[in-house]
Each structure stands twice: as C-alpha cells, then as structure tokens.
Amino acid sequence: MTASQNLTFFTPKASSGNGAVFIDTGISAGFPSPADDFRETRISLDDELIQNKDATFFAKVKGQSMIDAGLDDNDLLVIDRSLEPANNKIAVCFLDGEFTVKRLRVEKNEVWLQPENPNYPIINITEDNDFVIWGIVTNVIKKV
C-alpha cells in the first residue's frame, strides 16, 4: 500500500460552445407535471468549476485510498494550483517521486497525509521526504 495514486493529468481546453442547456426548476424523481413551467438558460461547466484557468488542471484518480471522501477510481479531479493549502483540504501532492491525492492534516509544524480509506496508512511528512503540495482539489466529476 503505497502513497501512489498514479494520477493522469490534463489541462482545460478552450471552451468552444455556449454551454449546455440548464433547466432551472430542479429535477424530480417522481412524475413531472406537463403544466410545469420552466426557464431554460445555458450553463458552462468551465464557468462553474474553474476559478483560475491558468492554474487549473484535471487528473484522473487511480486507486482506492480516498473512497470514503467520494473520490473513486477513474473519477476526474479539478485541481487549482493557485489555492493555499490548509488543514482538512484535499490536496494533490508530490511525495518521494510520485503523485498522490490525500486529505491534509496540519498541526503546528507537522503535516500528515490522511487517506480516506481505513486500509491505507496515514503518512507523516518529515524532512527526509521529497514533498510538495501541488494543488488543491476543488471538484470531482463522476461517470454514472
């Protein structure tokens, strides 16, 4: 059980459209009423998910260490490198030659990388580690 998540990184492409149709009424799990009025507008996921395009990257998760945080194998992470790392944030880190995604635990002068799966160990970062907090996860995109 290593720290590695084997992340695959991507950069955002320039948006070429006006976005997808957004129906601003909520989605019912029951039977819709034919009389319901709804307002149709367009929404861009780039606008919704990316605050700083020049500092935003995507990465696919590989592994199970963050499943209790809702990050499953093959999920697509939205990572913002311009955000400040802070305790309890989920971060993409470069640790001893490999990228990993973990929850940050910061107390006084100590840093731990907390997996969200009890089958994986907590990683205490020491001076002996080659360690960089590469970016903060802001969103996760899942296929259903």
C-alpha atoms as a PDB file:
ATOM      1  CA  MET A   1       0.000   0.000   0.000  1.00  0.00           C
ATOM      2  CA  THR A   2       1.989   2.944  -1.260  1.00  0.00           C
ATOM      3  CA  ALA A   3       1.116   6.609  -1.396  1.00  0.00           C
ATOM      4  CA  SER A   4       0.818   6.484  -5.165  1.00  0.00           C
ATOM      5  CA  GLN A   5      -2.454   7.198  -6.878  1.00  0.00           C
ATOM      6  CA  ASN A   6      -0.943   7.127 -10.395  1.00  0.00           C
ATOM      7  CA  LEU A   7      -2.734  10.334 -11.359  1.00  0.00           C
ATOM      8  CA  THR A   8      -3.042  11.194 -15.053  1.00  0.00           C
ATOM      9  CA  PHE A   9      -3.048  14.976 -15.593  1.00  0.00           C
ATOM     10  CA  PHE A  10      -4.906  17.063 -18.195  1.00  0.00           C
ATOM     11  CA  THR A  11      -5.223  20.790 -18.858  1.00  0.00           C
ATOM     12  CA  PRO A  12      -8.514  22.541 -19.662  1.00  0.00           C
ATOM     13  CA  LYS A  13      -9.209  23.225 -23.339  1.00  0.00           C
ATOM     14  CA  ALA A  14     -10.638  26.477 -24.602  1.00  0.00           C
ATOM     15  CA  SER A  15     -14.416  26.319 -24.499  1.00  0.00           C
ATOM     16  CA  SER A  16     -15.897  26.340 -27.996  1.00  0.00           C
ATOM     17  CA  GLY A  17     -19.608  26.474 -27.218  1.00  0.00           C
ATOM     18  CA  ASN A  18     -22.145  28.383 -25.228  1.00  0.00           C
ATOM     19  CA  GLY A  19     -22.559  25.597 -22.692  1.00  0.00           C
ATOM     20  CA  ALA A  20     -25.256  23.012 -22.198  1.00  0.00           C
ATOM     21  CA  VAL A  21     -28.910  23.767 -21.597  1.00  0.00           C
ATOM     22  CA  PHE A  22     -29.648  24.320 -17.904  1.00  0.00           C
ATOM     23  CA  ILE A  23     -33.208  23.805 -16.687  1.00  0.00           C
ATOM     24  CA  ASP A  24     -33.666  25.959 -13.611  1.00  0.00           C
ATOM     25  CA  THR A  25     -36.523  24.084 -11.906  1.00  0.00           C
ATOM     26  CA  GLY A  26     -34.840  21.181 -10.156  1.00  0.00           C
ATOM     27  CA  ILE A  27     -35.200  17.581 -11.230  1.00  0.00           C
ATOM     28  CA  SER A  28     -37.971  15.497  -9.709  1.00  0.00           C
ATOM     29  CA  ALA A  29     -37.623  11.785  -9.200  1.00  0.00           C
ATOM     30  CA  GLY A  30     -41.404  11.441  -9.496  1.00  0.00           C
ATOM     31  CA  PHE A  31     -43.689  12.059 -12.456  1.00  0.00           C
ATOM     32  CA  PRO A  32     -43.315  15.533 -13.982  1.00  0.00           C
ATOM     33  CA  SER A  33     -46.362  17.666 -14.436  1.00  0.00           C
ATOM     34  CA  PRO A  34     -46.936  18.691 -18.081  1.00  0.00           C
ATOM     35  CA  ALA A  35     -48.109  22.058 -16.803  1.00  0.00           C
ATOM     36  CA  ASP A  36     -44.834  22.855 -15.049  1.00  0.00           C
ATOM     37  CA  ASP A  37     -43.267  25.990 -16.408  1.00  0.00           C
ATOM     38  CA  PHE A  38     -39.506  26.036 -16.616  1.00  0.00           C
ATOM     39  CA  ARG A  39     -36.897  28.545 -17.580  1.00  0.00           C
ATOM     40  CA  GLU A  40     -34.200  27.407 -19.978  1.00  0.00           C
ATOM     41  CA  THR A  41     -30.760  29.018 -19.880  1.00  0.00           C
ATOM     42  CA  ARG A  42     -27.275  27.912 -20.829  1.00  0.00           C
ATOM     43  CA  ILE A  43     -24.591  26.967 -18.348  1.00  0.00           C
ATOM     44  CA  SER A  44     -20.869  26.397 -18.887  1.00  0.00           C
ATOM     45  CA  LEU A  45     -19.193  23.815 -16.689  1.00  0.00           C
ATOM     46  CA  ASP A  46     -15.933  25.710 -17.215  1.00  0.00           C
ATOM     47  CA  ASP A  47     -17.527  28.753 -15.583  1.00  0.00           C
ATOM     48  CA  GLU A  48     -18.963  26.636 -12.761  1.00  0.00           C
ATOM     49  CA  LEU A  49     -15.889  24.502 -11.990  1.00  0.00           C
ATOM     50  CA  ILE A  50     -12.851  26.632 -12.894  1.00  0.00           C
ATOM     51  CA  GLN A  51     -11.997  29.813 -10.999  1.00  0.00           C
ATOM     52  CA  ASN A  52      -8.473  30.333 -12.325  1.00  0.00           C
ATOM     53  CA  LYS A  53      -7.999  28.745 -15.758  1.00  0.00           C
ATOM     54  CA  ASP A  54      -4.226  29.283 -15.868  1.00  0.00           C
ATOM     55  CA  ALA A  55      -3.770  27.401 -12.577  1.00  0.00           C
ATOM     56  CA  THR A  56      -6.379  24.657 -13.084  1.00  0.00           C
ATOM     57  CA  PHE A  57      -5.660  21.091 -14.119  1.00  0.00           C
ATOM     58  CA  PHE A  58      -7.633  17.875 -14.272  1.00  0.00           C
ATOM     59  CA  ALA A  59      -6.395  14.473 -13.113  1.00  0.00           C
ATOM     60  CA  LYS A  60      -7.950  11.016 -13.126  1.00  0.00           C
ATOM     61  CA  VAL A  61      -7.859   9.089  -9.870  1.00  0.00           C
ATOM     62  CA  LYS A  62      -6.290   5.645  -9.877  1.00  0.00           C
ATOM     63  CA  GLY A  63      -6.677   3.700  -6.653  1.00  0.00           C
ATOM     64  CA  GLN A  64      -8.915   3.320  -3.618  1.00  0.00           C
ATOM     65  CA  SER A  65      -7.240   5.374  -0.877  1.00  0.00           C
ATOM     66  CA  MET A  66      -9.821   8.213  -0.968  1.00  0.00           C
ATOM     67  CA  ILE A  67     -13.078   6.312  -1.486  1.00  0.00           C
ATOM     68  CA  ASP A  68     -14.625   7.476   1.810  1.00  0.00           C
ATOM     69  CA  ALA A  69     -14.200  11.075   0.607  1.00  0.00           C
ATOM     70  CA  GLY A  70     -16.109  10.196  -2.567  1.00  0.00           C
ATOM     71  CA  LEU A  71     -13.025  10.010  -4.794  1.00  0.00           C
ATOM     72  CA  ASP A  72     -13.297   6.719  -6.651  1.00  0.00           C
ATOM     73  CA  ASP A  73     -11.095   5.036  -9.233  1.00  0.00           C
ATOM     74  CA  ASN A  74     -11.312   6.873 -12.611  1.00  0.00           C
ATOM     75  CA  ASP A  75     -13.037   9.967 -11.175  1.00  0.00           C
ATOM     76  CA  LEU A  76     -11.867  13.228 -12.716  1.00  0.00           C
ATOM     77  CA  LEU A  77     -10.477  15.764 -10.240  1.00  0.00           C
ATOM     78  CA  VAL A  78     -10.478  19.526 -10.770  1.00  0.00           C
ATOM     79  CA  ILE A  79      -7.277  20.861  -9.182  1.00  0.00           C
ATOM     80  CA  ASP A  80      -6.490  24.540  -8.568  1.00  0.00           C
ATOM     81  CA  ARG A  81      -2.796  25.280  -8.030  1.00  0.00           C
ATOM     82  CA  SER A  82      -3.492  28.901  -7.022  1.00  0.00           C
ATOM     83  CA  LEU A  83      -5.297  27.969  -3.780  1.00  0.00           C
ATOM     84  CA  GLU A  84      -3.451  27.990  -0.460  1.00  0.00           C
ATOM     85  CA  PRO A  85      -3.076  24.593   1.206  1.00  0.00           C
ATOM     86  CA  ALA A  86      -4.891  24.348   4.542  1.00  0.00           C
ATOM     87  CA  ASN A  87      -5.803  21.766   7.152  1.00  0.00           C
ATOM     88  CA  ASN A  88      -8.593  19.406   6.025  1.00  0.00           C
ATOM     89  CA  LYS A  89      -8.322  20.306   2.321  1.00  0.00           C
ATOM     90  CA  ILE A  90      -7.914  17.512  -0.200  1.00  0.00           C
ATOM     91  CA  ALA A  91      -4.635  18.036  -1.995  1.00  0.00           C
ATOM     92  CA  VAL A  92      -2.655  16.566  -4.841  1.00  0.00           C
ATOM     93  CA  CYS A  93       0.872  16.146  -3.525  1.00  0.00           C
ATOM     94  CA  PHE A  94       4.192  15.088  -4.988  1.00  0.00           C
ATOM     95  CA  LEU A  95       5.732  12.707  -2.462  1.00  0.00           C
ATOM     96  CA  ASP A  96       9.049  10.949  -2.974  1.00  0.00           C
ATOM     97  CA  GLY A  97       8.768  10.813  -6.761  1.00  0.00           C
ATOM     98  CA  GLU A  98       5.048  10.008  -7.044  1.00  0.00           C
ATOM     99  CA  PHE A  99       1.817  11.983  -7.148  1.00  0.00           C
ATOM    100  CA  THR A 100      -0.875  11.181  -4.609  1.00  0.00           C
ATOM    101  CA  VAL A 101      -4.188  12.681  -3.516  1.00  0.00           C
ATOM    102  CA  LYS A 102      -4.898  12.821   0.234  1.00  0.00           C
ATOM    103  CA  ARG A 103      -6.546  14.988   2.878  1.00  0.00           C
ATOM    104  CA  LEU A 104      -4.095  17.410   4.513  1.00  0.00           C
ATOM    105  CA  ARG A 105      -3.693  17.322   8.279  1.00  0.00           C
ATOM    106  CA  VAL A 106      -1.639  20.240   9.549  1.00  0.00           C
ATOM    107  CA  GLU A 107      -0.874  20.898  13.220  1.00  0.00           C
ATOM    108  CA  LYS A 108       1.824  23.271  14.413  1.00  0.00           C
ATOM    109  CA  ASN A 109       4.887  22.327  12.355  1.00  0.00           C
ATOM    110  CA  GLU A 110       3.721  18.845  11.345  1.00  0.00           C
ATOM    111  CA  VAL A 111       1.971  17.638   8.184  1.00  0.00           C
ATOM    112  CA  TRP A 112       0.202  14.321   7.621  1.00  0.00           C
ATOM    113  CA  LEU A 113      -1.453  12.958   4.512  1.00  0.00           C
ATOM    114  CA  GLN A 114      -4.689  11.300   5.583  1.00  0.00           C
ATOM    115  CA  PRO A 115      -6.220   8.675   3.295  1.00  0.00           C
ATOM    116  CA  GLU A 116      -9.996   8.295   3.369  1.00  0.00           C
ATOM    117  CA  ASN A 117      -9.915   4.507   3.466  1.00  0.00           C
ATOM    118  CA  PRO A 118      -9.023   2.632   6.676  1.00  0.00           C
ATOM    119  CA  ASN A 119      -6.984   0.102   4.671  1.00  0.00           C
ATOM    120  CA  TYR A 120      -4.329   2.738   3.913  1.00  0.00           C
ATOM    121  CA  PRO A 121      -1.854   4.212   6.413  1.00  0.00           C
ATOM    122  CA  ILE A 122      -1.592   7.861   7.429  1.00  0.00           C
ATOM    123  CA  ILE A 123       1.627   9.337   6.053  1.00  0.00           C
ATOM    124  CA  ASN A 124       3.658  11.580   8.352  1.00  0.00           C
ATOM    125  CA  ILE A 125       5.723  14.021   6.287  1.00  0.00           C
ATOM    126  CA  THR A 126       9.257  14.524   7.600  1.00  0.00           C
ATOM    127  CA  GLU A 127      12.352  16.411   6.472  1.00  0.00           C
ATOM    128  CA  ASP A 128      13.508  13.193   4.808  1.00  0.00           C
ATOM    129  CA  ASN A 129      10.609  13.277   2.313  1.00  0.00           C
ATOM    130  CA  ASP A 130      10.746  14.972  -1.071  1.00  0.00           C
ATOM    131  CA  PHE A 131       7.362  16.674  -0.650  1.00  0.00           C
ATOM    132  CA  VAL A 132       5.403  19.388  -2.481  1.00  0.00           C
ATOM    133  CA  ILE A 133       1.727  20.270  -2.205  1.00  0.00           C
ATOM    134  CA  TRP A 134       0.978  20.553  -5.915  1.00  0.00           C
ATOM    135  CA  GLY A 135      -2.628  21.787  -5.843  1.00  0.00           C
ATOM    136  CA  ILE A 136      -5.994  21.716  -4.055  1.00  0.00           C
ATOM    137  CA  VAL A 137      -8.903  19.602  -5.274  1.00  0.00           C
ATOM    138  CA  THR A 138     -11.960  21.804  -5.804  1.00  0.00           C
ATOM    139  CA  ASN A 139     -14.378  19.410  -7.530  1.00  0.00           C
ATOM    140  CA  VAL A 140     -14.784  15.809  -8.591  1.00  0.00           C
ATOM    141  CA  ILE A 141     -16.545  14.697 -11.758  1.00  0.00           C
ATOM    142  CA  LYS A 142     -18.049  11.218 -11.793  1.00  0.00           C
ATOM    143  CA  LYS A 143     -19.431   8.992 -14.515  1.00  0.00           C
ATOM    144  CA  VAL A 144     -22.669   7.222 -13.712  1.00  0.00           C
END
